[in-house]
C-alpha atoms as a PDB file:
ATOM      1  CA  MET A   1     110.989  48.449 122.295  1.00  0.00           C
ATOM      2  CA  PRO A   2     109.194  51.265 120.473  1.00  0.00           C
ATOM      3  CA  THR A   3     106.206  52.415 122.399  1.00  0.00           C
ATOM      4  CA  SER A   4     104.124  50.704 119.912  1.00  0.00           C
ATOM      5  CA  SER A   5     105.127  48.197 117.321  1.00  0.00           C
ATOM      6  CA  PRO A   6     104.075  48.079 113.744  1.00  0.00           C
ATOM      7  CA  THR A   7     100.965  46.364 112.649  1.00  0.00           C
ATOM      8  CA  THR A   8      99.513  45.182 109.512  1.00  0.00           C
ATOM      9  CA  SER A   9      96.293  46.174 107.995  1.00  0.00           C
ATOM     10  CA  PRO A  10      93.467  45.217 105.671  1.00  0.00           C
ATOM     11  CA  THR A  11      92.680  47.337 102.682  1.00  0.00           C
ATOM     12  CA  SER A  12      89.517  48.499 101.128  1.00  0.00           C
ATOM     13  CA  SER A  13      89.626  50.473  98.001  1.00  0.00           C
ATOM     14  CA  PRO A  14      89.078  54.187  98.431  1.00  0.00           C
ATOM     15  CA  THR A  15      85.671  53.816  96.829  1.00  0.00           C
ATOM     16  CA  GLY A  16      84.924  51.107  99.315  1.00  0.00           C
ATOM     17  CA  SER A  17      84.299  47.539  98.077  1.00  0.00           C
ATOM     18  CA  PRO A  18      80.780  46.463  97.721  1.00  0.00           C
ATOM     19  CA  THR A  19      79.729  44.156 100.569  1.00  0.00           C
ATOM     20  CA  GLY A  20      78.742  41.604  97.918  1.00  0.00           C
ATOM     21  CA  SER A  21      82.232  41.154  96.534  1.00  0.00           C
ATOM     22  CA  PRO A  22      83.225  37.496  96.290  1.00  0.00           C
ATOM     23  CA  THR A  23      84.917  36.354  99.392  1.00  0.00           C
ATOM     24  CA  SER A  24      87.641  34.683  97.474  1.00  0.00           C
ATOM     25  CA  SER A  25      89.312  34.969  94.171  1.00  0.00           C
ATOM     26  CA  PRO A  26      90.332  32.155  91.901  1.00  0.00           C
ATOM     27  CA  THR A  27      92.950  29.986  93.534  1.00  0.00           C
ATOM     28  CA  THR A  28      95.592  31.151  91.126  1.00  0.00           C
ATOM     29  CA  GLN A  29      95.270  34.784  92.481  1.00  0.00           C
ATOM     30  CA  PRO A  30      96.352  35.665  95.985  1.00  0.00           C
ATOM     31  CA  THR A  31      93.493  37.309  97.818  1.00  0.00           C
ATOM     32  CA  GLY A  32      93.462  40.288 100.104  1.00  0.00           C
ATOM     33  CA  THR A  33      96.146  42.249  98.315  1.00  0.00           C
ATOM     34  CA  GLY A  34      93.978  45.362  97.873  1.00  0.00           C
ATOM     35  CA  SER A  35      95.961  46.108  94.696  1.00  0.00           C
ATOM     36  CA  LEU A  36      99.249  46.474  96.461  1.00  0.00           C
ATOM     37  CA  PRO A  37     102.432  46.170  94.317  1.00  0.00           C
ATOM     38  CA  LYS A  38     104.177  42.814  93.913  1.00  0.00           C
ATOM     39  CA  HIS A  39     106.883  44.029  96.247  1.00  0.00           C
ATOM     40  CA  PHE A  40     106.148  46.852  98.596  1.00  0.00           C
ATOM     41  CA  LEU A  41     107.188  48.943 101.581  1.00  0.00           C
ATOM     42  CA  THR A  42     105.097  49.194 104.752  1.00  0.00           C
ATOM     43  CA  GLY A  43     105.625  51.823 107.446  1.00  0.00           C
ATOM     44  CA  TYR A  44     103.913  52.572 110.729  1.00  0.00           C
ATOM     45  CA  TRP A  45     102.666  56.104 111.247  1.00  0.00           C
ATOM     46  CA  GLN A  46     102.733  57.175 114.860  1.00  0.00           C
ATOM     47  CA  ASN A  47      99.552  58.669 116.305  1.00  0.00           C
ATOM     48  CA  PHE A  48     101.528  59.952 119.345  1.00  0.00           C
ATOM     49  CA  VAL A  49     104.645  61.963 120.056  1.00  0.00           C
ATOM     50  CA  ASN A  50     107.817  60.244 121.285  1.00  0.00           C
ATOM     51  CA  GLY A  51     110.910  61.992 119.929  1.00  0.00           C
ATOM     52  CA  ALA A  52     110.483  60.996 116.352  1.00  0.00           C
ATOM     53  CA  THR A  53     109.422  63.604 113.826  1.00  0.00           C
ATOM     54  CA  PRO A  54     105.634  64.184 114.158  1.00  0.00           C
ATOM     55  CA  LEU A  55     103.875  64.074 110.779  1.00  0.00           C
ATOM     56  CA  LYS A  56     100.487  64.592 109.325  1.00  0.00           C
ATOM     57  CA  LEU A  57      99.458  61.565 107.229  1.00  0.00           C
ATOM     58  CA  ALA A  58      99.734  63.477 103.947  1.00  0.00           C
ATOM     59  CA  ALA A  59     103.432  64.121 104.744  1.00  0.00           C
ATOM     60  CA  VAL A  60     104.227  60.421 104.568  1.00  0.00           C
ATOM     61  CA  PRO A  61     106.990  60.025 101.941  1.00  0.00           C
ATOM     62  CA  ALA A  62     105.901  58.523  98.601  1.00  0.00           C
ATOM     63  CA  THR A  63     108.274  55.613  99.118  1.00  0.00           C
ATOM     64  CA  TYR A  64     105.747  53.937 101.367  1.00  0.00           C
ATOM     65  CA  ASP A  65     103.040  51.896  99.630  1.00  0.00           C
ATOM     66  CA  LEU A  66     101.159  50.768 102.778  1.00  0.00           C
ATOM     67  CA  VAL A  67     100.783  52.975 105.814  1.00  0.00           C
ATOM     68  CA  ALA A  68      99.704  51.419 109.127  1.00  0.00           C
ATOM     69  CA  VAL A  69      98.134  53.880 111.478  1.00  0.00           C
ATOM     70  CA  ALA A  70      99.346  53.132 115.059  1.00  0.00           C
ATOM     71  CA  PHE A  71      97.139  52.454 116.911  1.00  0.00           C
ATOM     72  CA  ALA A  72      93.484  51.783 117.396  1.00  0.00           C
ATOM     73  CA  ASP A  73      92.475  51.943 121.020  1.00  0.00           C
ATOM     74  CA  ALA A  74      90.810  49.307 123.257  1.00  0.00           C
ATOM     75  CA  THR A  75      87.354  50.286 124.597  1.00  0.00           C
ATOM     76  CA  ALA A  76      85.248  49.089 127.590  1.00  0.00           C
ATOM     77  CA  THR A  77      83.448  46.691 125.272  1.00  0.00           C
ATOM     78  CA  PRO A  78      85.249  43.359 124.985  1.00  0.00           C
ATOM     79  CA  GLY A  79      86.958  43.099 121.556  1.00  0.00           C
ATOM     80  CA  ALA A  80      85.853  46.462 120.303  1.00  0.00           C
ATOM     81  CA  VAL A  81      88.267  49.184 119.242  1.00  0.00           C
ATOM     82  CA  SER A  82      88.053  52.901 118.581  1.00  0.00           C
ATOM     83  CA  PHE A  83      90.332  55.577 117.119  1.00  0.00           C
ATOM     84  CA  THR A  84      91.091  59.085 118.277  1.00  0.00           C
ATOM     85  CA  LEU A  85      93.745  61.446 116.956  1.00  0.00           C
ATOM     86  CA  ASP A  86      96.209  62.039 119.781  1.00  0.00           C
ATOM     87  CA  PRO A  87      95.912  65.631 121.013  1.00  0.00           C
ATOM     88  CA  GLY A  88      99.656  65.803 121.603  1.00  0.00           C
ATOM     89  CA  LEU A  89     100.323  64.863 118.008  1.00  0.00           C
ATOM     90  CA  ALA A  90      97.676  67.356 116.739  1.00  0.00           C
ATOM     91  CA  SER A  91      99.373  70.081 118.726  1.00  0.00           C
ATOM     92  CA  ALA A  92     102.838  69.091 117.506  1.00  0.00           C
ATOM     93  CA  VAL A  93     101.815  69.389 113.811  1.00  0.00           C
ATOM     94  CA  GLY A  94     100.119  72.684 114.215  1.00  0.00           C
ATOM     95  CA  GLY A  95      96.560  71.339 114.573  1.00  0.00           C
ATOM     96  CA  TYR A  96      94.986  68.224 113.121  1.00  0.00           C
ATOM     97  CA  THR A  97      91.296  67.499 113.009  1.00  0.00           C
ATOM     98  CA  ASP A  98      89.367  64.329 112.232  1.00  0.00           C
ATOM     99  CA  ALA A  99      88.266  65.945 108.991  1.00  0.00           C
ATOM    100  CA  GLN A 100      91.842  66.731 107.996  1.00  0.00           C
ATOM    101  CA  PHE A 101      92.892  63.180 108.939  1.00  0.00           C
ATOM    102  CA  LYS A 102      90.172  61.710 106.699  1.00  0.00           C
ATOM    103  CA  ALA A 103      91.106  64.085 103.843  1.00  0.00           C
ATOM    104  CA  ASP A 104      94.700  62.951 104.191  1.00  0.00           C
ATOM    105  CA  ILE A 105      93.710  59.320 103.835  1.00  0.00           C
ATOM    106  CA  ALA A 106      91.894  60.305 100.654  1.00  0.00           C
ATOM    107  CA  THR A 107      95.031  62.106  99.486  1.00  0.00           C
ATOM    108  CA  LEU A 108      97.129  59.059  99.995  1.00  0.00           C
ATOM    109  CA  HIS A 109      94.534  56.988  98.109  1.00  0.00           C
ATOM    110  CA  SER A 110      94.838  59.491  95.245  1.00  0.00           C
ATOM    111  CA  ARG A 111      98.568  58.758  95.209  1.00  0.00           C
ATOM    112  CA  GLY A 112      97.911  55.081  94.887  1.00  0.00           C
ATOM    113  CA  LYS A 113      98.756  54.278  98.529  1.00  0.00           C
ATOM    114  CA  LYS A 114      96.888  52.133 101.061  1.00  0.00           C
ATOM    115  CA  VAL A 115      96.182  52.986 104.696  1.00  0.00           C
ATOM    116  CA  ILE A 116      95.328  50.487 107.334  1.00  0.00           C
ATOM    117  CA  ILE A 117      94.492  50.737 111.036  1.00  0.00           C
ATOM    118  CA  SER A 118      96.811  48.795 113.381  1.00  0.00           C
ATOM    119  CA  VAL A 119      95.448  47.131 116.401  1.00  0.00           C
ATOM    120  CA  GLY A 120      97.619  46.482 119.407  1.00  0.00           C
ATOM    121  CA  GLY A 121     101.167  47.673 119.987  1.00  0.00           C
ATOM    122  CA  GLU A 122     103.474  47.056 122.886  1.00  0.00           C
ATOM    123  CA  LYS A 123     100.962  48.693 125.239  1.00  0.00           C
ATOM    124  CA  GLY A 124      97.805  47.578 123.513  1.00  0.00           C
ATOM    125  CA  THR A 125      95.231  45.750 125.564  1.00  0.00           C
ATOM    126  CA  VAL A 126      92.732  44.604 122.885  1.00  0.00           C
ATOM    127  CA  SER A 127      91.546  41.070 123.659  1.00  0.00           C
ATOM    128  CA  VAL A 128      89.412  38.924 121.324  1.00  0.00           C
ATOM    129  CA  SER A 129      88.764  35.736 123.393  1.00  0.00           C
ATOM    130  CA  SER A 130      85.096  34.964 122.852  1.00  0.00           C
ATOM    131  CA  ALA A 131      82.519  34.854 120.055  1.00  0.00           C
ATOM    132  CA  THR A 132      81.011  38.053 121.330  1.00  0.00           C
ATOM    133  CA  ALA A 133      84.335  39.796 121.381  1.00  0.00           C
ATOM    134  CA  ALA A 134      85.056  38.579 117.819  1.00  0.00           C
ATOM    135  CA  THR A 135      81.801  40.097 116.578  1.00  0.00           C
ATOM    136  CA  ASN A 136      82.561  43.324 118.463  1.00  0.00           C
ATOM    137  CA  PHE A 137      86.035  43.497 116.895  1.00  0.00           C
ATOM    138  CA  ALA A 138      84.707  42.967 113.391  1.00  0.00           C
ATOM    139  CA  ASN A 139      81.903  45.503 113.747  1.00  0.00           C
ATOM    140  CA  SER A 140      84.118  48.135 115.337  1.00  0.00           C
ATOM    141  CA  VAL A 141      86.934  47.844 112.826  1.00  0.00           C
ATOM    142  CA  TYR A 142      84.356  47.869 109.994  1.00  0.00           C
ATOM    143  CA  SER A 143      82.962  51.080 111.440  1.00  0.00           C
ATOM    144  CA  LEU A 144      86.402  52.646 111.424  1.00  0.00           C
ATOM    145  CA  ILE A 145      86.875  51.561 107.829  1.00  0.00           C
ATOM    146  CA  GLN A 146      83.533  53.218 106.871  1.00  0.00           C
ATOM    147  CA  THR A 147      84.320  56.367 108.914  1.00  0.00           C
ATOM    148  CA  TYR A 148      87.913  57.002 107.841  1.00  0.00           C
ATOM    149  CA  GLY A 149      88.395  55.080 104.593  1.00  0.00           C
ATOM    150  CA  PHE A 150      90.950  52.622 105.974  1.00  0.00           C
ATOM    151  CA  ASP A 151      91.822  49.846 103.509  1.00  0.00           C
ATOM    152  CA  GLY A 152      92.271  47.132 106.096  1.00  0.00           C
ATOM    153  CA  VAL A 153      93.605  46.149 109.447  1.00  0.00           C
ATOM    154  CA  ASP A 154      96.995  45.228 111.007  1.00  0.00           C
ATOM    155  CA  ILE A 155      97.079  42.767 113.911  1.00  0.00           C
ATOM    156  CA  ASP A 156      99.873  43.726 116.243  1.00  0.00           C
ATOM    157  CA  LEU A 157      98.800  42.117 119.526  1.00  0.00           C
ATOM    158  CA  GLU A 158     101.966  41.649 121.500  1.00  0.00           C
ATOM    159  CA  ASN A 159     100.357  40.426 124.707  1.00  0.00           C
ATOM    160  CA  GLY A 160      98.782  37.223 123.333  1.00  0.00           C
ATOM    161  CA  LEU A 161      95.919  36.337 121.016  1.00  0.00           C
ATOM    162  CA  ASP A 162      93.312  33.615 120.601  1.00  0.00           C
ATOM    163  CA  PRO A 163      93.801  32.295 117.064  1.00  0.00           C
ATOM    164  CA  THR A 164      90.286  30.780 116.878  1.00  0.00           C
ATOM    165  CA  TYR A 165      88.347  33.849 117.834  1.00  0.00           C
ATOM    166  CA  MET A 166      90.641  36.275 116.006  1.00  0.00           C
ATOM    167  CA  ALA A 167      90.296  34.185 112.820  1.00  0.00           C
ATOM    168  CA  SER A 168      86.532  34.342 113.251  1.00  0.00           C
ATOM    169  CA  ALA A 169      86.692  38.096 113.746  1.00  0.00           C
ATOM    170  CA  LEU A 170      88.791  38.680 110.660  1.00  0.00           C
ATOM    171  CA  ARG A 171      86.600  36.447 108.487  1.00  0.00           C
ATOM    172  CA  THR A 172      83.489  38.363 109.681  1.00  0.00           C
ATOM    173  CA  LEU A 173      85.244  41.655 108.957  1.00  0.00           C
ATOM    174  CA  ARG A 174      86.195  40.497 105.439  1.00  0.00           C
ATOM    175  CA  SER A 175      82.642  39.358 104.699  1.00  0.00           C
ATOM    176  CA  LYS A 176      81.530  42.946 105.570  1.00  0.00           C
ATOM    177  CA  ALA A 177      84.376  44.838 103.853  1.00  0.00           C
ATOM    178  CA  GLY A 178      84.773  42.692 100.784  1.00  0.00           C
ATOM    179  CA  ALA A 179      87.725  40.869  98.994  1.00  0.00           C
ATOM    180  CA  ASN A 180      89.911  44.044  98.805  1.00  0.00           C
ATOM    181  CA  LEU A 181      90.355  44.155 102.505  1.00  0.00           C
ATOM    182  CA  ILE A 182      94.036  44.211 103.467  1.00  0.00           C
ATOM    183  CA  ILE A 183      94.915  42.063 106.511  1.00  0.00           C
ATOM    184  CA  THR A 184      98.460  42.258 107.916  1.00  0.00           C
ATOM    185  CA  MET A 185     100.117  40.911 111.036  1.00  0.00           C
ATOM    186  CA  ALA A 186     103.182  42.130 112.975  1.00  0.00           C
ATOM    187  CA  PRO A 187     104.168  39.228 115.330  1.00  0.00           C
ATOM    188  CA  GLN A 188     107.353  39.196 117.366  1.00  0.00           C
ATOM    189  CA  THR A 189     109.951  36.660 116.384  1.00  0.00           C
ATOM    190  CA  ILE A 190     109.037  34.249 119.220  1.00  0.00           C
ATOM    191  CA  ASP A 191     105.520  34.174 117.819  1.00  0.00           C
ATOM    192  CA  MET A 192     106.702  32.719 114.531  1.00  0.00           C
ATOM    193  CA  GLN A 193     109.173  30.080 115.713  1.00  0.00           C
ATOM    194  CA  SER A 194     106.728  27.233 115.109  1.00  0.00           C
ATOM    195  CA  THR A 195     103.316  26.576 113.620  1.00  0.00           C
ATOM    196  CA  GLY A 196     102.126  25.639 117.093  1.00  0.00           C
ATOM    197  CA  SER A 197     102.320  29.236 118.278  1.00  0.00           C
ATOM    198  CA  SER A 198      98.994  31.157 118.375  1.00  0.00           C
ATOM    199  CA  TYR A 199     100.202  33.880 115.908  1.00  0.00           C
ATOM    200  CA  PHE A 200     101.523  31.338 113.308  1.00  0.00           C
ATOM    201  CA  ALA A 201      98.326  29.245 113.747  1.00  0.00           C
ATOM    202  CA  LEU A 202      96.226  32.351 113.091  1.00  0.00           C
ATOM    203  CA  ALA A 203      98.212  33.236 109.916  1.00  0.00           C
ATOM    204  CA  LEU A 204      97.858  29.705 108.500  1.00  0.00           C
ATOM    205  CA  SER A 205      94.156  29.569 109.413  1.00  0.00           C
ATOM    206  CA  ILE A 206      93.425  32.752 107.420  1.00  0.00           C
ATOM    207  CA  LYS A 207      95.989  32.106 104.747  1.00  0.00           C
ATOM    208  CA  ASP A 208      93.354  32.443 102.020  1.00  0.00           C
ATOM    209  CA  ILE A 209      92.492  35.992 103.053  1.00  0.00           C
ATOM    210  CA  LEU A 210      95.865  37.136 104.641  1.00  0.00           C
ATOM    211  CA  THR A 211      97.800  39.857 102.776  1.00  0.00           C
ATOM    212  CA  VAL A 212     101.213  39.771 104.550  1.00  0.00           C
ATOM    213  CA  VAL A 213     102.956  38.996 107.808  1.00  0.00           C
ATOM    214  CA  HIS A 214     105.783  41.502 108.671  1.00  0.00           C
ATOM    215  CA  THR A 215     107.444  39.965 111.666  1.00  0.00           C
ATOM    216  CA  GLN A 216     109.342  42.288 113.931  1.00  0.00           C
ATOM    217  CA  PHE A 217     112.908  41.050 113.415  1.00  0.00           C
ATOM    218  CA  TYR A 218     114.104  43.222 116.337  1.00  0.00           C
ATOM    219  CA  ASN A 219     113.893  43.560 120.099  1.00  0.00           C
ATOM    220  CA  SER A 220     114.475  39.828 120.118  1.00  0.00           C
ATOM    221  CA  GLY A 221     116.666  37.246 121.756  1.00  0.00           C
ATOM    222  CA  ALA A 222     118.591  34.689 119.710  1.00  0.00           C
ATOM    223  CA  MET A 223     116.228  32.461 117.704  1.00  0.00           C
ATOM    224  CA  LEU A 224     116.369  29.168 115.797  1.00  0.00           C
ATOM    225  CA  GLY A 225     116.278  29.388 112.034  1.00  0.00           C
ATOM    226  CA  CYS A 226     114.454  27.154 109.562  1.00  0.00           C
ATOM    227  CA  ASP A 227     117.488  24.805 109.699  1.00  0.00           C
ATOM    228  CA  GLN A 228     116.438  24.068 113.373  1.00  0.00           C
ATOM    229  CA  MET A 229     120.159  23.608 114.175  1.00  0.00           C
ATOM    230  CA  ASN A 230     121.494  27.103 114.923  1.00  0.00           C
ATOM    231  CA  ALA A 231     120.475  30.016 117.030  1.00  0.00           C
ATOM    232  CA  TYR A 232     120.892  33.334 115.204  1.00  0.00           C
ATOM    233  CA  SER A 233     121.353  36.720 116.748  1.00  0.00           C
ATOM    234  CA  GLN A 234     119.357  39.884 115.807  1.00  0.00           C
ATOM    235  CA  GLY A 235     121.181  42.606 113.925  1.00  0.00           C
ATOM    236  CA  THR A 236     122.501  40.265 111.197  1.00  0.00           C
ATOM    237  CA  GLU A 237     121.489  39.259 107.731  1.00  0.00           C
ATOM    238  CA  ASN A 238     121.414  35.569 108.839  1.00  0.00           C
ATOM    239  CA  PHE A 239     118.826  36.397 111.460  1.00  0.00           C
ATOM    240  CA  LEU A 240     116.506  37.859 108.801  1.00  0.00           C
ATOM    241  CA  THR A 241     116.912  35.036 106.216  1.00  0.00           C
ATOM    242  CA  ALA A 242     117.050  32.110 108.585  1.00  0.00           C
ATOM    243  CA  LEU A 243     113.920  33.225 110.459  1.00  0.00           C
ATOM    244  CA  ALA A 244     111.929  34.313 107.296  1.00  0.00           C
ATOM    245  CA  CYS A 245     112.265  30.880 105.776  1.00  0.00           C
ATOM    246  CA  ILE A 246     110.523  29.308 108.803  1.00  0.00           C
ATOM    247  CA  GLN A 247     107.407  31.029 107.468  1.00  0.00           C
ATOM    248  CA  THR A 248     107.922  30.057 103.795  1.00  0.00           C
ATOM    249  CA  GLN A 249     108.864  26.534 104.643  1.00  0.00           C
ATOM    250  CA  ASN A 250     105.854  25.954 106.924  1.00  0.00           C
ATOM    251  CA  GLY A 251     102.855  27.102 104.918  1.00  0.00           C
ATOM    252  CA  LEU A 252     102.890  30.759 104.117  1.00  0.00           C
ATOM    253  CA  ARG A 253     103.269  31.875 100.500  1.00  0.00           C
ATOM    254  CA  PRO A 254     106.421  33.997  99.878  1.00  0.00           C
ATOM    255  CA  ASP A 255     104.201  36.889  98.926  1.00  0.00           C
ATOM    256  CA  GLN A 256     102.767  36.733 102.497  1.00  0.00           C
ATOM    257  CA  VAL A 257     106.185  37.294 104.104  1.00  0.00           C
ATOM    258  CA  SER A 258     107.842  40.654 104.643  1.00  0.00           C
ATOM    259  CA  LEU A 259     110.815  41.744 106.770  1.00  0.00           C
ATOM    260  CA  GLY A 260     110.076  44.091 109.676  1.00  0.00           C
ATOM    261  CA  LEU A 261     112.945  46.236 110.909  1.00  0.00           C
ATOM    262  CA  PRO A 262     113.519  49.470 112.886  1.00  0.00           C
ATOM    263  CA  ALA A 263     114.154  52.618 110.771  1.00  0.00           C
ATOM    264  CA  SER A 264     117.017  53.744 112.973  1.00  0.00           C
ATOM    265  CA  THR A 265     118.928  52.738 116.116  1.00  0.00           C
ATOM    266  CA  LEU A 266     116.517  55.041 118.072  1.00  0.00           C
ATOM    267  CA  ALA A 267     113.464  53.221 116.893  1.00  0.00           C
ATOM    268  CA  ALA A 268     113.991  49.934 118.828  1.00  0.00           C
ATOM    269  CA  GLY A 269     115.907  48.534 121.752  1.00  0.00           C
ATOM    270  CA  GLY A 270     117.986  46.220 119.497  1.00  0.00           C
ATOM    271  CA  GLY A 271     118.058  44.513 116.138  1.00  0.00           C
ATOM    272  CA  TYR A 272     118.751  47.530 113.836  1.00  0.00           C
ATOM    273  CA  VAL A 273     120.572  46.722 110.678  1.00  0.00           C
ATOM    274  CA  ALA A 274     121.585  49.150 107.863  1.00  0.00           C
ATOM    275  CA  PRO A 275     119.031  49.239 105.042  1.00  0.00           C
ATOM    276  CA  SER A 276     121.651  47.829 102.721  1.00  0.00           C
ATOM    277  CA  VAL A 277     121.547  44.624 104.935  1.00  0.00           C
ATOM    278  CA  VAL A 278     117.741  44.449 104.427  1.00  0.00           C
ATOM    279  CA  ASN A 279     118.350  44.633 100.633  1.00  0.00           C
ATOM    280  CA  ALA A 280     120.915  41.832 100.862  1.00  0.00           C
ATOM    281  CA  ALA A 281     118.462  39.705 102.802  1.00  0.00           C
ATOM    282  CA  LEU A 282     115.764  40.298 100.274  1.00  0.00           C
ATOM    283  CA  ASP A 283     118.215  39.349  97.555  1.00  0.00           C
ATOM    284  CA  CYS A 284     119.143  36.183  99.331  1.00  0.00           C
ATOM    285  CA  LEU A 285     115.487  35.155  99.879  1.00  0.00           C
ATOM    286  CA  ALA A 286     114.346  36.122  96.380  1.00  0.00           C
ATOM    287  CA  ARG A 287     117.174  34.759  94.291  1.00  0.00           C
ATOM    288  CA  GLY A 288     119.858  33.133  96.578  1.00  0.00           C
ATOM    289  CA  ALA A 289     122.323  36.010  95.983  1.00  0.00           C
ATOM    290  CA  ASN A 290     124.105  38.231  98.535  1.00  0.00           C
ATOM    291  CA  CYS A 291     123.439  35.723 101.360  1.00  0.00           C
ATOM    292  CA  GLY A 292     125.353  35.697 104.632  1.00  0.00           C
ATOM    293  CA  THR A 293     126.736  32.399 105.950  1.00  0.00           C
ATOM    294  CA  PHE A 294     123.179  31.092 106.015  1.00  0.00           C
ATOM    295  CA  LYS A 295     121.626  30.143 102.746  1.00  0.00           C
ATOM    296  CA  PRO A 296     117.906  29.283 102.665  1.00  0.00           C
ATOM    297  CA  PRO A 297     116.833  25.841 101.338  1.00  0.00           C
ATOM    298  CA  ALA A 298     115.019  27.438  98.369  1.00  0.00           C
ATOM    299  CA  THR A 299     114.479  30.800  96.719  1.00  0.00           C
ATOM    300  CA  TYR A 300     111.333  32.794  97.165  1.00  0.00           C
ATOM    301  CA  PRO A 301     111.038  35.283  94.229  1.00  0.00           C
ATOM    302  CA  GLY A 302     107.661  36.432  95.524  1.00  0.00           C
ATOM    303  CA  ILE A 303     109.026  37.677  98.913  1.00  0.00           C
ATOM    304  CA  ARG A 304     106.812  40.642  99.538  1.00  0.00           C
ATOM    305  CA  GLY A 305     109.187  43.444 100.802  1.00  0.00           C
ATOM    306  CA  ALA A 306     109.916  45.221 104.072  1.00  0.00           C
ATOM    307  CA  MET A 307     108.197  46.979 106.905  1.00  0.00           C
ATOM    308  CA  THR A 308     109.602  49.563 109.236  1.00  0.00           C
ATOM    309  CA  TRP A 309     108.869  50.938 112.672  1.00  0.00           C
ATOM    310  CA  SER A 310     108.422  53.722 111.989  1.00  0.00           C
ATOM    311  CA  ILE A 311     107.848  56.234 109.171  1.00  0.00           C
ATOM    312  CA  ASN A 312     108.400  58.977 111.803  1.00  0.00           C
ATOM    313  CA  TRP A 313     111.778  57.528 112.902  1.00  0.00           C
ATOM    314  CA  ASP A 314     112.767  57.156 109.277  1.00  0.00           C
ATOM    315  CA  VAL A 315     111.993  60.773 108.460  1.00  0.00           C
ATOM    316  CA  SER A 316     113.850  61.733 111.612  1.00  0.00           C
ATOM    317  CA  ASN A 317     116.871  59.986 110.048  1.00  0.00           C
ATOM    318  CA  GLY A 318     116.667  61.651 106.659  1.00  0.00           C
ATOM    319  CA  SER A 319     114.340  58.944 105.215  1.00  0.00           C
ATOM    320  CA  ASN A 320     117.482  56.912 104.637  1.00  0.00           C
ATOM    321  CA  TRP A 321     115.681  53.590 105.262  1.00  0.00           C
ATOM    322  CA  ALA A 322     112.969  53.970 102.687  1.00  0.00           C
ATOM    323  CA  ASN A 323     115.174  55.742 100.228  1.00  0.00           C
ATOM    324  CA  THR A 324     117.543  52.826 100.240  1.00  0.00           C
ATOM    325  CA  ILE A 325     115.062  49.955 100.179  1.00  0.00           C
ATOM    326  CA  ASP A 326     112.242  51.215  98.028  1.00  0.00           C
ATOM    327  CA  PRO A 327     114.336  51.459  94.799  1.00  0.00           C
ATOM    328  CA  HIS A 328     115.846  48.060  95.480  1.00  0.00           C
ATOM    329  CA  LEU A 329     112.384  46.449  95.583  1.00  0.00           C
ATOM    330  CA  ALA A 330     112.029  47.167  91.867  1.00  0.00           C
ATOM    331  CA  THR A 331     115.016  44.970  91.192  1.00  0.00           C
ATOM    332  CA  LEU A 332     113.573  41.863  92.784  1.00  0.00           C
ATOM    333  CA  PRO A 333     112.242  39.155  90.518  1.00  0.00           C
END
């Protein structure tokens, strides 16, 4: 598994939303989108060095609409997180200061992009398991939003989460940051098999303020699909479509569902598919075309897009992933 997995993130507009923004928009409008496109590409930006191409934030290709900074760090205070530029990364890119990092976030904003802070990762130890920890989480993430200009937060807790307290934390954060806050989640496949799992329960409980869930459809064993009859193996189109429809058939809106995949064979232990297969899966989900042997029970024209771990691994591979999928998103309904 990548040393960290992707996460999702809340957005705040570059100017910062007034704290008095309404906490919900009219029911006809999805909330928490932070003015992201109808279909968009998310990529994780690595704040560490691991063999993938090290990048300054401003060097992220324009194909990415949402950039998740991986990762925030746990602190000694329960639930609280902090962020520090990795010295190894700073050295690898020829020097990178906090001021330059903040300026790069502003540069991405000027290009119409959104940047969120991802919490967790494979090695992440952030735990929000009490009311106090929930308050600490909300306060600390809001502080990072104010300091750096992040547009939201991505929840990528791979070592368990408490849906009640995390929901409380995210609602508190939204009340502080305003209605433009972007909230994303990057669960593993096992976390989204049924609505009884803590991650799925969290997603449903904050559905009114949730931007998107980009499940990691990789580093996974075989999983049941929404037909509840067959086990599907990773690395296939059927795996993507049969598992994505569990989410759309069990309470999430199609615009809250995105497909998370590795950018290259080096980016994950298993589950890589060619970007053309991701495009076929999006076609299958959006319009019932280009499906594999599995055909979803309905079409979901609003399916949000795709996420990759990571932007750095994609750039290492000639940006083939984003360059193949980004133009295809414009062809979706």
